[in-house]
């Protein structure tokens, strides 16, 4: 099985945009989000999935600050990792794994860990990522504890705190000092 992370662009942005509604649906289990009156997982009055595509456009228009990666497995899209930096990352961090998603058939096979490590290796500095508050999504907590722990040889911090996205469990590490 070959796992590759590919930096997306406007030409293949549709791959991430196609998976994004599935990601939001998965998150609703942990955050309790409900679809809007049009059946779309967005708080804005977005009526169609085509309109929701436009919400994601910023990820493909800021190539020096936003890095949308497609996770490919044996040449097929399996998920995505969205990395931010600069004004799109928290002040105390150089890079932030803003979103991470793996389609269900690919979960539990170490693909997410391999992809995350590939993405982390592309950028050296202070990293952060967050998951749902303590105990809300134990599978994600366990996954990131194991993945970041293995990547950093357990040289990372984990805490519950307020973030730009509400109260979350945050993982931080610095891969520049490894």
N, C-alpha and C. Protein backbone atom coordinates (compact mmCIF):
# COMPACT_ATOMS: atom_id res chain seq x y z
N UNK A 1 0.84 -1.17 0.00
CA UNK A 1 0.00 0.00 0.00
C UNK A 1 0.89 1.24 0.00
N UNK A 2 0.68 2.13 -0.96
CA UNK A 2 1.46 3.35 -1.07
C UNK A 2 0.64 4.54 -0.61
N UNK A 3 1.15 5.26 0.40
CA UNK A 3 0.49 6.45 0.94
C UNK A 3 1.32 7.66 0.55
N UNK A 4 0.68 8.63 -0.08
CA UNK A 4 1.35 9.88 -0.46
C UNK A 4 0.46 11.05 -0.09
N UNK A 5 1.09 12.13 0.35
CA UNK A 5 0.36 13.38 0.54
C UNK A 5 0.78 14.31 -0.59
N UNK A 6 -0.20 14.84 -1.28
CA UNK A 6 0.03 15.69 -2.44
C UNK A 6 -0.54 17.07 -2.16
N UNK A 7 0.28 18.09 -2.34
CA UNK A 7 -0.22 19.45 -2.16
C UNK A 7 -1.22 19.74 -3.27
N UNK A 8 -2.42 20.07 -2.86
CA UNK A 8 -3.50 20.33 -3.82
C UNK A 8 -3.36 21.72 -4.40
N UNK A 9 -4.07 21.95 -5.50
CA UNK A 9 -4.11 23.26 -6.14
C UNK A 9 -5.50 23.47 -6.73
N UNK A 10 -5.69 24.54 -7.44
CA UNK A 10 -7.02 24.83 -7.99
C UNK A 10 -7.48 23.77 -8.99
N UNK A 11 -6.54 23.09 -9.65
CA UNK A 11 -6.91 22.07 -10.63
C UNK A 11 -7.52 20.82 -10.00
N UNK A 12 -7.02 20.44 -8.82
CA UNK A 12 -7.57 19.23 -8.18
C UNK A 12 -8.26 19.54 -6.85
N UNK A 13 -8.60 20.81 -6.65
CA UNK A 13 -9.30 21.23 -5.43
C UNK A 13 -10.61 20.49 -5.25
N UNK A 14 -11.23 20.10 -6.34
CA UNK A 14 -12.52 19.41 -6.25
C UNK A 14 -12.44 18.13 -5.42
N UNK A 15 -11.27 17.52 -5.35
CA UNK A 15 -11.14 16.27 -4.57
C UNK A 15 -11.38 16.56 -3.10
N UNK A 16 -10.74 17.59 -2.56
CA UNK A 16 -10.96 17.95 -1.16
C UNK A 16 -12.38 18.46 -0.98
N UNK A 17 -12.84 19.29 -1.89
CA UNK A 17 -14.20 19.83 -1.79
C UNK A 17 -15.25 18.73 -1.82
N UNK A 18 -15.02 17.66 -2.57
CA UNK A 18 -15.96 16.54 -2.61
C UNK A 18 -16.01 15.79 -1.28
N UNK A 19 -14.87 15.69 -0.59
CA UNK A 19 -14.82 14.97 0.68
C UNK A 19 -15.25 15.82 1.87
N UNK A 20 -15.20 17.14 1.73
CA UNK A 20 -15.44 18.01 2.87
C UNK A 20 -16.82 17.81 3.52
N UNK A 21 -17.90 17.65 2.76
CA UNK A 21 -19.19 17.40 3.42
C UNK A 21 -19.19 16.11 4.25
N UNK A 22 -18.45 15.10 3.81
CA UNK A 22 -18.35 13.86 4.58
C UNK A 22 -17.63 14.11 5.90
N UNK A 23 -16.60 14.94 5.84
CA UNK A 23 -15.85 15.33 7.04
C UNK A 23 -16.78 16.05 8.03
N UNK A 24 -17.53 17.01 7.55
CA UNK A 24 -18.43 17.75 8.43
C UNK A 24 -19.50 16.84 9.02
N UNK A 25 -19.97 15.90 8.23
CA UNK A 25 -20.94 14.93 8.73
C UNK A 25 -20.32 14.10 9.85
N UNK A 26 -19.10 13.61 9.66
CA UNK A 26 -18.42 12.85 10.70
C UNK A 26 -18.27 13.66 11.98
N UNK A 27 -17.90 14.92 11.86
CA UNK A 27 -17.72 15.76 13.05
C UNK A 27 -19.01 16.00 13.81
N UNK A 28 -20.13 15.95 13.12
CA UNK A 28 -21.41 16.22 13.79
C UNK A 28 -21.67 15.22 14.91
N UNK A 29 -21.12 14.02 14.80
CA UNK A 29 -21.27 13.02 15.84
C UNK A 29 -20.65 13.49 17.16
N UNK A 30 -19.57 14.26 17.09
CA UNK A 30 -18.84 14.67 18.28
C UNK A 30 -19.20 16.07 18.75
N UNK A 31 -19.53 16.95 17.82
CA UNK A 31 -19.83 18.32 18.19
C UNK A 31 -21.33 18.61 18.27
N UNK A 32 -22.14 17.67 17.79
CA UNK A 32 -23.58 17.86 17.84
C UNK A 32 -24.11 18.82 16.79
N UNK A 33 -23.30 19.13 15.80
CA UNK A 33 -23.75 20.04 14.74
C UNK A 33 -24.89 19.40 13.96
N UNK A 34 -25.83 20.22 13.57
CA UNK A 34 -26.94 19.77 12.74
C UNK A 34 -26.85 20.47 11.39
N UNK A 35 -27.37 19.85 10.36
CA UNK A 35 -27.36 20.53 9.06
C UNK A 35 -28.28 21.75 9.12
N UNK A 36 -28.01 22.71 8.25
CA UNK A 36 -28.87 23.89 8.19
C UNK A 36 -30.20 23.52 7.54
N UNK A 37 -31.04 24.49 7.32
CA UNK A 37 -32.38 24.23 6.78
C UNK A 37 -32.36 23.65 5.37
N UNK A 38 -31.19 23.63 4.72
CA UNK A 38 -31.06 23.08 3.37
C UNK A 38 -30.37 21.72 3.36
N UNK A 39 -30.05 21.19 4.54
CA UNK A 39 -29.41 19.89 4.62
C UNK A 39 -27.90 19.93 4.47
N UNK A 40 -27.31 21.12 4.58
CA UNK A 40 -25.87 21.30 4.42
C UNK A 40 -25.26 21.58 5.80
N UNK A 41 -24.13 20.96 6.09
CA UNK A 41 -23.44 21.21 7.36
C UNK A 41 -22.63 22.49 7.27
N UNK A 42 -23.31 23.60 7.31
CA UNK A 42 -22.72 24.94 7.37
C UNK A 42 -23.65 25.81 8.17
N UNK A 43 -23.10 26.77 8.91
CA UNK A 43 -23.94 27.67 9.68
C UNK A 43 -24.51 28.78 8.80
N UNK A 44 -23.84 29.06 7.72
CA UNK A 44 -24.30 30.10 6.81
C UNK A 44 -25.48 29.57 5.99
N UNK A 45 -26.29 30.43 5.42
CA UNK A 45 -27.44 29.96 4.63
C UNK A 45 -27.02 29.43 3.25
N UNK A 46 -26.22 28.41 3.26
CA UNK A 46 -25.76 27.78 2.02
C UNK A 46 -26.80 26.75 1.62
N UNK A 47 -27.24 26.81 0.36
CA UNK A 47 -28.35 25.97 -0.09
C UNK A 47 -27.94 24.70 -0.81
N UNK A 48 -26.74 24.68 -1.41
CA UNK A 48 -26.33 23.52 -2.20
C UNK A 48 -24.88 23.16 -1.91
N UNK A 49 -24.51 21.94 -2.26
CA UNK A 49 -23.12 21.54 -2.12
C UNK A 49 -22.23 22.36 -3.05
N UNK A 50 -22.78 22.76 -4.18
CA UNK A 50 -22.00 23.61 -5.10
C UNK A 50 -21.63 24.93 -4.42
N UNK A 51 -22.55 25.50 -3.66
CA UNK A 51 -22.26 26.73 -2.92
C UNK A 51 -21.23 26.46 -1.82
N UNK A 52 -21.33 25.28 -1.20
CA UNK A 52 -20.38 24.94 -0.14
C UNK A 52 -18.96 24.84 -0.70
N UNK A 53 -18.84 24.44 -1.96
CA UNK A 53 -17.53 24.42 -2.61
C UNK A 53 -16.84 25.76 -2.47
N UNK A 54 -17.60 26.84 -2.68
CA UNK A 54 -17.02 28.18 -2.65
C UNK A 54 -16.43 28.53 -1.29
N UNK A 55 -17.01 27.98 -0.21
CA UNK A 55 -16.49 28.24 1.13
C UNK A 55 -15.04 27.75 1.25
N UNK A 56 -14.71 26.69 0.53
CA UNK A 56 -13.38 26.09 0.60
C UNK A 56 -12.35 26.78 -0.30
N UNK A 57 -12.78 27.69 -1.15
CA UNK A 57 -11.87 28.29 -2.12
C UNK A 57 -10.63 28.94 -1.51
N UNK A 58 -10.76 29.51 -0.34
CA UNK A 58 -9.62 30.20 0.28
C UNK A 58 -8.41 29.27 0.41
N UNK A 59 -8.64 27.98 0.62
CA UNK A 59 -7.53 27.03 0.79
C UNK A 59 -6.67 26.91 -0.46
N UNK A 60 -7.20 27.32 -1.58
CA UNK A 60 -6.48 27.18 -2.86
C UNK A 60 -6.05 28.52 -3.43
N UNK A 61 -6.26 29.59 -2.64
CA UNK A 61 -5.93 30.94 -3.10
C UNK A 61 -4.83 31.60 -2.29
N UNK A 62 -4.32 30.95 -1.28
CA UNK A 62 -3.27 31.50 -0.41
C UNK A 62 -2.11 30.52 -0.32
N UNK A 63 -1.38 30.31 -1.42
CA UNK A 63 -0.36 29.25 -1.46
C UNK A 63 0.81 29.43 -0.51
N UNK A 64 1.00 30.62 0.07
CA UNK A 64 2.09 30.82 1.01
C UNK A 64 1.66 30.67 2.47
N UNK A 65 0.34 30.53 2.69
CA UNK A 65 -0.16 30.46 4.06
C UNK A 65 -1.09 29.27 4.32
N UNK A 66 -1.69 28.75 3.27
CA UNK A 66 -2.62 27.63 3.42
C UNK A 66 -2.18 26.49 2.51
N UNK A 67 -2.08 25.31 3.10
CA UNK A 67 -1.55 24.15 2.39
C UNK A 67 -2.54 22.99 2.46
N UNK A 68 -3.34 22.82 1.41
CA UNK A 68 -4.31 21.72 1.39
C UNK A 68 -3.68 20.47 0.77
N UNK A 69 -3.54 19.44 1.58
CA UNK A 69 -2.94 18.19 1.12
C UNK A 69 -4.01 17.13 0.90
N UNK A 70 -3.91 16.44 -0.21
CA UNK A 70 -4.75 15.28 -0.47
C UNK A 70 -3.97 14.05 -0.04
N UNK A 71 -4.61 13.19 0.72
CA UNK A 71 -4.00 11.91 1.09
C UNK A 71 -4.40 10.91 0.01
N UNK A 72 -3.38 10.36 -0.65
CA UNK A 72 -3.61 9.38 -1.71
C UNK A 72 -3.15 8.00 -1.23
N UNK A 73 -3.94 6.98 -1.51
CA UNK A 73 -3.56 5.61 -1.19
C UNK A 73 -3.68 4.80 -2.48
N UNK A 74 -2.56 4.27 -2.90
CA UNK A 74 -2.51 3.51 -4.16
C UNK A 74 -3.15 4.27 -5.31
N UNK A 75 -2.87 5.58 -5.35
CA UNK A 75 -3.34 6.42 -6.44
C UNK A 75 -4.76 6.93 -6.33
N UNK A 76 -5.46 6.61 -5.24
CA UNK A 76 -6.85 7.08 -5.07
C UNK A 76 -6.95 8.02 -3.87
N UNK A 77 -7.80 9.05 -3.97
CA UNK A 77 -7.97 9.95 -2.84
C UNK A 77 -8.57 9.23 -1.64
N UNK A 78 -7.95 9.42 -0.48
CA UNK A 78 -8.40 8.75 0.74
C UNK A 78 -8.74 9.74 1.86
N UNK A 79 -8.37 11.00 1.69
CA UNK A 79 -8.62 11.98 2.73
C UNK A 79 -7.85 13.25 2.46
N UNK A 80 -7.76 14.09 3.50
CA UNK A 80 -7.03 15.35 3.35
C UNK A 80 -6.49 15.82 4.69
N UNK A 81 -5.45 16.64 4.63
CA UNK A 81 -4.88 17.36 5.76
C UNK A 81 -4.76 18.81 5.32
N UNK A 82 -5.33 19.72 6.10
CA UNK A 82 -5.28 21.15 5.78
C UNK A 82 -4.38 21.83 6.80
N UNK A 83 -3.29 22.42 6.33
CA UNK A 83 -2.29 23.05 7.18
C UNK A 83 -2.31 24.56 6.95
N UNK A 84 -2.24 25.31 8.06
CA UNK A 84 -2.19 26.77 7.96
C UNK A 84 -0.93 27.30 8.62
N UNK A 85 -0.54 28.50 8.20
CA UNK A 85 0.60 29.19 8.80
C UNK A 85 0.31 30.69 8.73
N UNK A 86 1.24 31.49 9.24
CA UNK A 86 1.06 32.95 9.19
C UNK A 86 -0.19 33.38 9.93
N UNK A 87 -0.92 34.30 9.36
CA UNK A 87 -2.11 34.85 10.03
C UNK A 87 -3.23 33.82 10.19
N UNK A 88 -3.11 32.67 9.54
CA UNK A 88 -4.13 31.62 9.64
C UNK A 88 -3.82 30.57 10.71
N UNK A 89 -2.70 30.74 11.40
CA UNK A 89 -2.32 29.83 12.49
C UNK A 89 -2.36 30.62 13.80
N UNK A 90 -2.57 29.93 14.93
CA UNK A 90 -2.50 30.63 16.22
C UNK A 90 -1.15 31.32 16.38
N UNK A 91 -1.13 32.43 17.08
CA UNK A 91 0.07 33.27 17.22
C UNK A 91 1.30 32.52 17.69
N UNK A 92 1.13 31.60 18.62
CA UNK A 92 2.27 30.91 19.21
C UNK A 92 2.76 29.72 18.38
N UNK A 93 2.18 29.52 17.22
CA UNK A 93 2.54 28.37 16.39
C UNK A 93 2.98 28.79 14.99
N UNK A 94 3.91 28.03 14.44
CA UNK A 94 4.32 28.26 13.06
C UNK A 94 3.36 27.60 12.08
N UNK A 95 2.89 26.40 12.45
CA UNK A 95 2.01 25.61 11.57
C UNK A 95 0.90 24.99 12.39
N UNK A 96 -0.25 24.90 11.78
CA UNK A 96 -1.41 24.33 12.45
C UNK A 96 -2.10 23.35 11.53
N UNK A 97 -2.30 22.14 12.00
CA UNK A 97 -3.07 21.16 11.25
C UNK A 97 -4.53 21.48 11.52
N UNK A 98 -5.07 22.27 10.65
CA UNK A 98 -6.39 22.85 10.82
C UNK A 98 -7.50 21.80 10.71
N UNK A 99 -7.38 20.93 9.75
CA UNK A 99 -8.37 19.87 9.54
C UNK A 99 -7.63 18.62 9.08
N UNK A 100 -8.13 17.46 9.50
CA UNK A 100 -7.57 16.19 9.05
C UNK A 100 -8.72 15.21 8.91
N UNK A 101 -8.77 14.54 7.78
CA UNK A 101 -9.89 13.63 7.51
C UNK A 101 -9.43 12.45 6.68
N UNK A 102 -9.94 11.29 7.05
CA UNK A 102 -9.65 10.07 6.31
C UNK A 102 -10.98 9.35 6.08
N UNK A 103 -11.24 8.98 4.84
CA UNK A 103 -12.46 8.26 4.52
C UNK A 103 -12.51 6.94 5.31
N UNK A 104 -13.68 6.53 5.68
CA UNK A 104 -13.86 5.35 6.56
C UNK A 104 -13.16 4.07 6.08
N UNK A 105 -13.17 3.72 4.80
CA UNK A 105 -12.51 2.47 4.40
C UNK A 105 -11.00 2.45 4.66
N UNK A 106 -10.40 3.63 4.89
CA UNK A 106 -8.96 3.72 5.08
C UNK A 106 -8.55 3.84 6.54
N UNK A 107 -9.51 3.93 7.43
CA UNK A 107 -9.20 4.11 8.85
C UNK A 107 -8.74 2.81 9.50
N UNK A 108 -7.93 2.96 10.54
CA UNK A 108 -7.45 1.82 11.29
C UNK A 108 -6.35 1.03 10.59
N UNK A 109 -5.75 1.63 9.56
CA UNK A 109 -4.72 0.93 8.77
C UNK A 109 -3.38 1.67 8.78
N UNK A 110 -3.23 2.63 9.69
CA UNK A 110 -2.01 3.42 9.86
C UNK A 110 -1.82 4.47 8.76
N UNK A 111 -2.78 4.60 7.87
CA UNK A 111 -2.68 5.55 6.76
C UNK A 111 -2.67 6.99 7.27
N UNK A 112 -3.54 7.29 8.22
CA UNK A 112 -3.60 8.64 8.77
C UNK A 112 -2.29 9.04 9.42
N UNK A 113 -1.66 8.13 10.15
CA UNK A 113 -0.37 8.41 10.79
C UNK A 113 0.73 8.64 9.76
N UNK A 114 0.76 7.80 8.75
CA UNK A 114 1.78 7.95 7.70
C UNK A 114 1.62 9.30 7.01
N UNK A 115 0.38 9.66 6.68
CA UNK A 115 0.12 10.93 6.01
C UNK A 115 0.48 12.11 6.90
N UNK A 116 0.10 12.05 8.17
CA UNK A 116 0.40 13.14 9.10
C UNK A 116 1.92 13.34 9.20
N UNK A 117 2.66 12.27 9.32
CA UNK A 117 4.12 12.37 9.42
C UNK A 117 4.72 12.97 8.15
N UNK A 118 4.18 12.61 7.00
CA UNK A 118 4.66 13.20 5.75
C UNK A 118 4.42 14.71 5.74
N UNK A 119 3.26 15.12 6.21
CA UNK A 119 2.94 16.55 6.25
C UNK A 119 3.82 17.27 7.27
N UNK A 120 3.97 16.71 8.46
CA UNK A 120 4.82 17.32 9.48
C UNK A 120 6.25 17.51 8.97
N UNK A 121 6.76 16.52 8.25
CA UNK A 121 8.13 16.59 7.74
C UNK A 121 8.33 17.70 6.71
N UNK A 122 7.28 18.16 6.08
CA UNK A 122 7.41 19.22 5.07
C UNK A 122 7.70 20.59 5.66
N UNK A 123 7.33 20.78 6.92
CA UNK A 123 7.46 22.09 7.55
C UNK A 123 8.06 21.92 8.94
N UNK A 124 9.18 22.57 9.20
CA UNK A 124 9.81 22.50 10.51
C UNK A 124 9.45 23.72 11.33
N UNK A 125 9.08 23.48 12.59
CA UNK A 125 8.74 24.58 13.49
C UNK A 125 7.77 24.13 14.57
N UNK A 126 7.11 25.11 15.16
CA UNK A 126 6.14 24.85 16.23
C UNK A 126 4.80 24.49 15.61
N UNK A 127 4.33 23.30 15.93
CA UNK A 127 3.09 22.76 15.37
C UNK A 127 2.00 22.69 16.42
N UNK A 128 0.77 22.73 15.93
CA UNK A 128 -0.38 22.49 16.80
C UNK A 128 -1.50 21.85 16.01
N UNK A 129 -2.37 21.19 16.74
CA UNK A 129 -3.61 20.64 16.19
C UNK A 129 -4.57 20.45 17.35
N UNK A 130 -5.84 20.37 17.05
CA UNK A 130 -6.80 20.16 18.13
C UNK A 130 -7.86 19.13 17.75
N UNK A 131 -8.45 18.57 18.78
CA UNK A 131 -9.57 17.65 18.63
C UNK A 131 -10.68 18.12 19.57
N UNK A 132 -11.78 17.43 19.53
CA UNK A 132 -12.92 17.76 20.39
C UNK A 132 -12.50 17.77 21.86
N UNK A 133 -13.26 18.46 22.71
CA UNK A 133 -12.90 18.49 24.14
C UNK A 133 -12.76 17.10 24.75
N UNK A 134 -12.04 17.05 25.85
CA UNK A 134 -11.70 15.82 26.55
C UNK A 134 -12.86 14.81 26.59
N UNK A 135 -12.60 13.62 26.04
CA UNK A 135 -13.55 12.54 26.11
C UNK A 135 -14.65 12.54 25.06
N UNK A 136 -14.79 13.62 24.32
CA UNK A 136 -15.85 13.70 23.32
C UNK A 136 -15.56 12.81 22.12
N UNK A 137 -14.30 12.75 21.71
CA UNK A 137 -13.90 11.93 20.58
C UNK A 137 -12.65 11.13 20.98
N UNK A 138 -12.84 10.09 21.79
CA UNK A 138 -11.67 9.35 22.29
C UNK A 138 -10.83 8.70 21.20
N UNK A 139 -11.44 8.33 20.08
CA UNK A 139 -10.66 7.72 19.00
C UNK A 139 -9.67 8.72 18.42
N UNK A 140 -10.11 9.96 18.21
CA UNK A 140 -9.22 11.00 17.69
C UNK A 140 -8.12 11.33 18.71
N UNK A 141 -8.50 11.44 19.99
CA UNK A 141 -7.50 11.71 21.02
C UNK A 141 -6.43 10.62 21.02
N UNK A 142 -6.86 9.38 20.99
CA UNK A 142 -5.92 8.26 21.00
C UNK A 142 -5.05 8.26 19.74
N UNK A 143 -5.67 8.51 18.59
CA UNK A 143 -4.93 8.55 17.33
C UNK A 143 -3.83 9.61 17.38
N UNK A 144 -4.18 10.83 17.79
CA UNK A 144 -3.19 11.91 17.78
C UNK A 144 -2.14 11.72 18.87
N UNK A 145 -2.52 11.20 20.02
CA UNK A 145 -1.55 10.92 21.08
C UNK A 145 -0.52 9.91 20.58
N UNK A 146 -0.99 8.87 19.90
CA UNK A 146 -0.10 7.83 19.37
C UNK A 146 0.74 8.38 18.22
N UNK A 147 0.11 9.09 17.28
CA UNK A 147 0.81 9.58 16.09
C UNK A 147 1.83 10.65 16.45
N UNK A 148 1.42 11.65 17.21
CA UNK A 148 2.34 12.72 17.60
C UNK A 148 3.40 12.17 18.55
N UNK A 149 3.00 11.27 19.44
CA UNK A 149 3.95 10.66 20.35
C UNK A 149 5.05 9.90 19.61
N UNK A 150 4.67 9.11 18.63
CA UNK A 150 5.66 8.36 17.84
C UNK A 150 6.52 9.32 17.02
N UNK A 151 5.90 10.33 16.45
CA UNK A 151 6.64 11.28 15.61
C UNK A 151 7.68 12.07 16.41
N UNK A 152 7.31 12.44 17.65
CA UNK A 152 8.19 13.30 18.46
C UNK A 152 8.96 12.54 19.54
N UNK A 153 8.85 11.23 19.56
CA UNK A 153 9.42 10.42 20.65
C UNK A 153 8.88 10.92 22.00
N UNK A 154 7.58 11.15 22.02
CA UNK A 154 6.83 11.63 23.20
C UNK A 154 7.25 13.00 23.69
N UNK A 155 7.83 13.80 22.82
CA UNK A 155 8.21 15.16 23.18
C UNK A 155 7.15 16.13 22.64
N UNK A 156 5.97 16.08 23.26
CA UNK A 156 4.87 16.96 22.86
C UNK A 156 4.07 17.36 24.10
N UNK A 157 3.25 18.36 23.93
CA UNK A 157 2.38 18.81 25.01
C UNK A 157 0.93 18.55 24.58
N UNK A 158 0.13 18.25 25.59
CA UNK A 158 -1.30 18.00 25.36
C UNK A 158 -2.06 18.68 26.49
N UNK A 159 -3.03 19.52 26.13
CA UNK A 159 -3.80 20.20 27.18
C UNK A 159 -5.19 20.57 26.66
N UNK A 160 -6.08 20.79 27.60
CA UNK A 160 -7.41 21.30 27.30
C UNK A 160 -7.32 22.82 27.40
N UNK A 161 -7.79 23.53 26.38
CA UNK A 161 -7.73 24.98 26.46
C UNK A 161 -8.68 25.61 25.44
N UNK A 162 -8.84 26.90 25.58
CA UNK A 162 -9.65 27.67 24.64
C UNK A 162 -8.84 27.88 23.37
N UNK A 163 -9.49 27.69 22.22
CA UNK A 163 -8.84 27.90 20.93
C UNK A 163 -9.71 28.84 20.10
N UNK A 164 -9.28 29.15 18.90
CA UNK A 164 -10.08 29.95 17.98
C UNK A 164 -11.36 29.22 17.60
N UNK A 165 -11.42 27.92 17.89
CA UNK A 165 -12.56 27.08 17.53
C UNK A 165 -13.30 26.58 18.78
N UNK A 166 -13.17 27.32 19.89
CA UNK A 166 -13.81 26.92 21.13
C UNK A 166 -12.87 26.11 22.02
N UNK A 167 -13.42 25.54 23.08
CA UNK A 167 -12.64 24.76 24.04
C UNK A 167 -12.32 23.41 23.41
N UNK A 168 -11.02 23.06 23.33
CA UNK A 168 -10.59 21.85 22.64
C UNK A 168 -9.40 21.21 23.36
N UNK A 169 -9.12 19.97 23.00
CA UNK A 169 -7.88 19.30 23.42
C UNK A 169 -6.84 19.64 22.36
N UNK A 170 -5.73 20.25 22.77
CA UNK A 170 -4.71 20.74 21.85
C UNK A 170 -3.41 19.97 22.05
N UNK A 171 -2.83 19.56 20.93
CA UNK A 171 -1.53 18.91 20.90
C UNK A 171 -0.55 19.87 20.26
N UNK A 172 0.61 20.08 20.89
CA UNK A 172 1.64 20.95 20.34
C UNK A 172 3.00 20.25 20.41
N UNK A 173 3.85 20.59 19.45
CA UNK A 173 5.22 20.06 19.43
C UNK A 173 6.06 20.93 18.51
N UNK A 174 7.37 20.76 18.59
CA UNK A 174 8.29 21.50 17.76
C UNK A 174 9.19 20.48 17.06
N UNK A 175 9.02 20.31 15.75
CA UNK A 175 9.84 19.33 15.04
C UNK A 175 11.15 19.94 14.51
N UNK A 176 11.36 21.21 14.79
CA UNK A 176 12.62 21.85 14.40
C UNK A 176 13.74 21.46 15.37
N UNK A 177 13.37 21.08 16.57
CA UNK A 177 14.34 20.77 17.62
C UNK A 177 14.56 19.27 17.79
N UNK A 178 14.13 18.47 16.84
CA UNK A 178 14.29 17.02 16.98
C UNK A 178 15.60 16.56 16.40
